[in-house]
PDB file of N, CA and C in Angstrom:
ATOM      1  N   MET A   1     118.931  96.516  43.001  1.00  0.00           N
ATOM      2  CA  MET A   1     118.310  97.807  42.862  1.00  0.00           C
ATOM      3  C   MET A   1     119.212  98.911  43.593  1.00  0.00           C
ATOM      4  N   SER A   2     119.333 100.022  42.964  1.00  0.00           N
ATOM      5  CA  SER A   2     120.303 100.967  43.447  1.00  0.00           C
ATOM      6  C   SER A   2     119.513 101.679  44.773  1.00  0.00           C
ATOM      7  N   PRO A   3     120.336 102.322  45.531  1.00  0.00           N
ATOM      8  CA  PRO A   3     119.639 102.976  46.819  1.00  0.00           C
ATOM      9  C   PRO A   3     118.900 104.103  46.407  1.00  0.00           C
ATOM     10  N   ALA A   4     119.104 104.726  45.186  1.00  0.00           N
ATOM     11  CA  ALA A   4     118.250 105.930  44.740  1.00  0.00           C
ATOM     12  C   ALA A   4     116.867 105.357  44.513  1.00  0.00           C
ATOM     13  N   ARG A   5     116.634 104.095  44.215  1.00  0.00           N
ATOM     14  CA  ARG A   5     115.181 103.518  43.906  1.00  0.00           C
ATOM     15  C   ARG A   5     114.668 103.083  45.196  1.00  0.00           C
ATOM     16  N   ARG A   6     115.353 102.905  46.263  1.00  0.00           N
ATOM     17  CA  ARG A   6     114.827 102.148  47.400  1.00  0.00           C
ATOM     18  C   ARG A   6     114.242 103.311  48.471  1.00  0.00           C
ATOM     19  N   GLY A   7     114.394 104.473  48.048  1.00  0.00           N
ATOM     20  CA  GLY A   7     113.748 105.505  48.906  1.00  0.00           C
ATOM     21  C   GLY A   7     114.743 106.285  49.963  1.00  0.00           C
ATOM     22  N   PRO A   8     114.422 107.250  50.672  1.00  0.00           N
ATOM     23  CA  PRO A   8     115.196 107.999  51.531  1.00  0.00           C
ATOM     24  C   PRO A   8     115.726 107.269  52.606  1.00  0.00           C
ATOM     25  N   SER A   9     115.144 106.220  53.325  1.00  0.00           N
ATOM     26  CA  SER A   9     115.564 105.437  54.348  1.00  0.00           C
ATOM     27  C   SER A   9     116.922 104.566  54.004  1.00  0.00           C
ATOM     28  N   ALA A  10     116.971 104.216  52.565  1.00  0.00           N
ATOM     29  CA  ALA A  10     118.308 103.503  52.154  1.00  0.00           C
ATOM     30  C   ALA A  10     119.369 104.465  52.138  1.00  0.00           C
ATOM     31  N   TRP A  11     119.312 105.814  51.818  1.00  0.00           N
ATOM     32  CA  TRP A  11     120.317 106.606  51.810  1.00  0.00           C
ATOM     33  C   TRP A  11     120.621 106.986  53.254  1.00  0.00           C
ATOM     34  N   ARG A  12     119.638 107.104  54.102  1.00  0.00           N
ATOM     35  CA  ARG A  12     119.982 107.434  55.595  1.00  0.00           C
ATOM     36  C   ARG A  12     120.763 106.225  56.206  1.00  0.00           C
ATOM     37  N   ASN A  13     120.297 105.084  55.735  1.00  0.00           N
ATOM     38  CA  ASN A  13     121.255 103.912  56.352  1.00  0.00           C
ATOM     39  C   ASN A  13     122.520 103.876  55.842  1.00  0.00           C
ATOM     40  N   ARG A  14     122.755 104.181  54.485  1.00  0.00           N
ATOM     41  CA  ARG A  14     124.217 104.233  53.949  1.00  0.00           C
ATOM     42  C   ARG A  14     124.975 105.324  54.661  1.00  0.00           C
ATOM     43  N   ALA A  15     124.374 106.524  54.711  1.00  0.00           N
ATOM     44  CA  ALA A  15     125.073 107.660  55.253  1.00  0.00           C
ATOM     45  C   ALA A  15     125.536 107.322  56.598  1.00  0.00           C
ATOM     46  N   SER A  16     124.687 106.682  57.501  1.00  0.00           N
ATOM     47  CA  SER A  16     125.085 106.475  58.906  1.00  0.00           C
ATOM     48  C   SER A  16     126.058 105.387  58.888  1.00  0.00           C
ATOM     49  N   GLY A  17     125.961 104.393  57.837  1.00  0.00           N
ATOM     50  CA  GLY A  17     127.083 103.499  57.817  1.00  0.00           C
ATOM     51  C   GLY A  17     128.348 103.913  57.451  1.00  0.00           C
ATOM     52  N   PHE A  18     128.410 104.875  56.535  1.00  0.00           N
ATOM     53  CA  PHE A  18     129.575 105.528  56.080  1.00  0.00           C
ATOM     54  C   PHE A  18     130.326 106.399  57.356  1.00  0.00           C
ATOM     55  N   THR A  19     129.390 107.042  57.930  1.00  0.00           N
ATOM     56  CA  THR A  19     129.804 107.842  59.084  1.00  0.00           C
ATOM     57  C   THR A  19     130.419 106.944  60.227  1.00  0.00           C
ATOM     58  N   GLY A  20     129.807 105.790  60.516  1.00  0.00           N
ATOM     59  CA  GLY A  20     130.310 104.791  61.409  1.00  0.00           C
ATOM     60  C   GLY A  20     131.745 104.165  61.163  1.00  0.00           C
ATOM     61  N   HIS A  21     131.949 104.095  59.812  1.00  0.00           N
ATOM     62  CA  HIS A  21     133.286 103.538  59.361  1.00  0.00           C
ATOM     63  C   HIS A  21     134.299 104.579  59.167  1.00  0.00           C
ATOM     64  N   TYR A  22     133.888 105.780  58.719  1.00  0.00           N
ATOM     65  CA  TYR A  22     134.871 106.773  58.355  1.00  0.00           C
ATOM     66  C   TYR A  22     135.382 107.588  59.381  1.00  0.00           C
ATOM     67  N   ALA A  23     134.520 107.966  60.395  1.00  0.00           N
ATOM     68  CA  ALA A  23     134.953 108.865  61.475  1.00  0.00           C
ATOM     69  C   ALA A  23     136.096 108.262  62.280  1.00  0.00           C
ATOM     70  N   PRO A  24     136.034 106.979  62.731  1.00  0.00           N
ATOM     71  CA  PRO A  24     137.042 106.550  63.342  1.00  0.00           C
ATOM     72  C   PRO A  24     138.434 106.389  62.666  1.00  0.00           C
ATOM     73  N   ASN A  25     138.315 106.346  61.518  1.00  0.00           N
ATOM     74  CA  ASN A  25     139.490 106.197  60.630  1.00  0.00           C
ATOM     75  C   ASN A  25     140.147 107.689  60.325  1.00  0.00           C
ATOM     76  N   LEU A  26     139.130 108.624  60.259  1.00  0.00           N
ATOM     77  CA  LEU A  26     139.650 110.090  60.264  1.00  0.00           C
ATOM     78  C   LEU A  26     140.111 110.637  61.660  1.00  0.00           C
ATOM     79  N   TYR A  27     139.477 110.247  62.674  1.00  0.00           N
ATOM     80  CA  TYR A  27     139.804 110.664  63.939  1.00  0.00           C
ATOM     81  C   TYR A  27     140.038 109.540  64.877  1.00  0.00           C
ATOM     82  N   PRO A  28     141.256 108.939  64.843  1.00  0.00           N
ATOM     83  CA  PRO A  28     141.564 107.844  65.729  1.00  0.00           C
ATOM     84  C   PRO A  28     141.002 108.042  67.166  1.00  0.00           C
ATOM     85  N   GLY A  29     140.506 106.933  67.857  1.00  0.00           N
ATOM     86  CA  GLY A  29     139.962 107.089  69.148  1.00  0.00           C
ATOM     87  C   GLY A  29     138.489 107.498  69.272  1.00  0.00           C
ATOM     88  N   THR A  30     137.999 108.028  68.102  1.00  0.00           N
ATOM     89  CA  THR A  30     136.543 108.350  68.180  1.00  0.00           C
ATOM     90  C   THR A  30     135.620 107.133  68.275  1.00  0.00           C
ATOM     91  N   ARG A  31     134.608 107.208  69.144  1.00  0.00           N
ATOM     92  CA  ARG A  31     133.666 106.202  69.273  1.00  0.00           C
ATOM     93  C   ARG A  31     132.339 106.632  68.500  1.00  0.00           C
ATOM     94  N   VAL A  32     131.640 105.852  67.833  1.00  0.00           N
ATOM     95  CA  VAL A  32     130.415 106.160  67.130  1.00  0.00           C
ATOM     96  C   VAL A  32     129.403 105.367  67.917  1.00  0.00           C
ATOM     97  N   ARG A  33     128.180 106.084  68.219  1.00  0.00           N
ATOM     98  CA  ARG A  33     127.221 105.379  68.788  1.00  0.00           C
ATOM     99  C   ARG A  33     125.911 105.506  67.816  1.00  0.00           C
ATOM    100  N   CYS A  34     124.959 104.680  67.976  1.00  0.00           N
ATOM    101  CA  CYS A  34     123.898 104.724  67.292  1.00  0.00           C
ATOM    102  C   CYS A  34     122.782 105.128  68.195  1.00  0.00           C
ATOM    103  N   VAL A  35     122.030 106.136  68.067  1.00  0.00           N
ATOM    104  CA  VAL A  35     121.019 106.841  68.944  1.00  0.00           C
ATOM    105  C   VAL A  35     119.831 107.126  68.156  1.00  0.00           C
ATOM    106  N   SER A  36     118.826 107.275  68.703  1.00  0.00           N
ATOM    107  CA  SER A  36     117.437 107.690  68.121  1.00  0.00           C
ATOM    108  C   SER A  36     117.645 109.145  67.950  1.00  0.00           C
ATOM    109  N   SER A  37     116.735 109.649  66.918  1.00  0.00           N
ATOM    110  CA  SER A  37     116.725 111.048  66.758  1.00  0.00           C
ATOM    111  C   SER A  37     116.365 111.898  67.978  1.00  0.00           C
ATOM    112  N   GLU A  38     115.410 111.301  68.877  1.00  0.00           N
ATOM    113  CA  GLU A  38     115.083 111.967  69.941  1.00  0.00           C
ATOM    114  C   GLU A  38     116.278 112.182  70.901  1.00  0.00           C
ATOM    115  N   GLU A  39     117.058 111.107  71.090  1.00  0.00           N
ATOM    116  CA  GLU A  39     118.132 111.151  71.946  1.00  0.00           C
ATOM    117  C   GLU A  39     119.301 112.019  71.528  1.00  0.00           C
ATOM    118  N   PHE A  40     119.375 111.997  70.108  1.00  0.00           N
ATOM    119  CA  PHE A  40     120.376 112.828  69.528  1.00  0.00           C
ATOM    120  C   PHE A  40     120.098 114.341  69.771  1.00  0.00           C
ATOM    121  N   THR A  41     118.833 114.680  69.554  1.00  0.00           N
ATOM    122  CA  THR A  41     118.319 116.185  69.712  1.00  0.00           C
ATOM    123  C   THR A  41     118.454 116.432  71.117  1.00  0.00           C
ATOM    124  N   ASN A  42     118.239 115.596  72.074  1.00  0.00           N
ATOM    125  CA  ASN A  42     118.248 116.054  73.482  1.00  0.00           C
ATOM    126  C   ASN A  42     119.663 116.262  73.951  1.00  0.00           C
ATOM    127  N   GLU A  43     120.558 115.342  73.523  1.00  0.00           N
ATOM    128  CA  GLU A  43     122.027 115.505  73.860  1.00  0.00           C
ATOM    129  C   GLU A  43     122.606 116.639  73.148  1.00  0.00           C
ATOM    130  N   PHE A  44     122.176 116.970  71.901  1.00  0.00           N
ATOM    131  CA  PHE A  44     122.678 118.105  71.211  1.00  0.00           C
ATOM    132  C   PHE A  44     122.220 119.421  72.011  1.00  0.00           C
ATOM    133  N   ASN A  45     120.888 119.462  72.301  1.00  0.00           N
ATOM    134  CA  ASN A  45     120.529 120.675  73.021  1.00  0.00           C
ATOM    135  C   ASN A  45     121.112 120.779  74.417  1.00  0.00           C
ATOM    136  N   ASN A  46     121.202 119.820  74.984  1.00  0.00           N
ATOM    137  CA  ASN A  46     121.849 119.877  76.347  1.00  0.00           C
ATOM    138  C   ASN A  46     123.352 120.298  76.306  1.00  0.00           C
ATOM    139  N   SER A  47     124.064 119.844  75.256  1.00  0.00           N
ATOM    140  CA  SER A  47     125.580 120.340  75.198  1.00  0.00           C
ATOM    141  C   SER A  47     125.538 121.874  74.856  1.00  0.00           C
ATOM    142  N   ILE A  48     124.645 122.287  73.964  1.00  0.00           N
ATOM    143  CA  ILE A  48     124.680 123.833  73.769  1.00  0.00           C
ATOM    144  C   ILE A  48     124.251 124.489  75.083  1.00  0.00           C
ATOM    145  N   ARG A  49     123.339 124.009  75.613  1.00  0.00           N
ATOM    146  CA  ARG A  49     122.832 124.732  76.882  1.00  0.00           C
ATOM    147  C   ARG A  49     124.041 124.812  78.035  1.00  0.00           C
ATOM    148  N   ASP A  50     124.687 123.618  78.002  1.00  0.00           N
ATOM    149  CA  ASP A  50     125.783 123.510  78.982  1.00  0.00           C
ATOM    150  C   ASP A  50     127.180 124.200  78.593  1.00  0.00           C
ATOM    151  N   GLY A  51     127.143 124.736  77.380  1.00  0.00           N
ATOM    152  CA  GLY A  51     128.382 125.261  76.871  1.00  0.00           C
ATOM    153  C   GLY A  51     129.373 124.241  76.282  1.00  0.00           C
ATOM    154  N   LYS A  52     128.983 123.046  76.037  1.00  0.00           N
ATOM    155  CA  LYS A  52     130.001 121.980  75.610  1.00  0.00           C
ATOM    156  C   LYS A  52     129.879 121.929  74.060  1.00  0.00           C
ATOM    157  N   GLY A  53     129.089 122.638  73.322  1.00  0.00           N
ATOM    158  CA  GLY A  53     128.845 122.498  71.988  1.00  0.00           C
ATOM    159  C   GLY A  53     129.611 123.378  71.108  1.00  0.00           C
TER     160      GLY A  53
END
């Protein structure tokens, strides 16, 4: 069954998998972490608040 017929979570998993493999190839030395949406949002907001974003 194609990912289009499996629902949105299948696309989300494929997209995160692509990112995990593509980013280090595009930017050597890059590390990819899997985090929850809550942790991502907190870190993103903190980086903007602290001027790191």
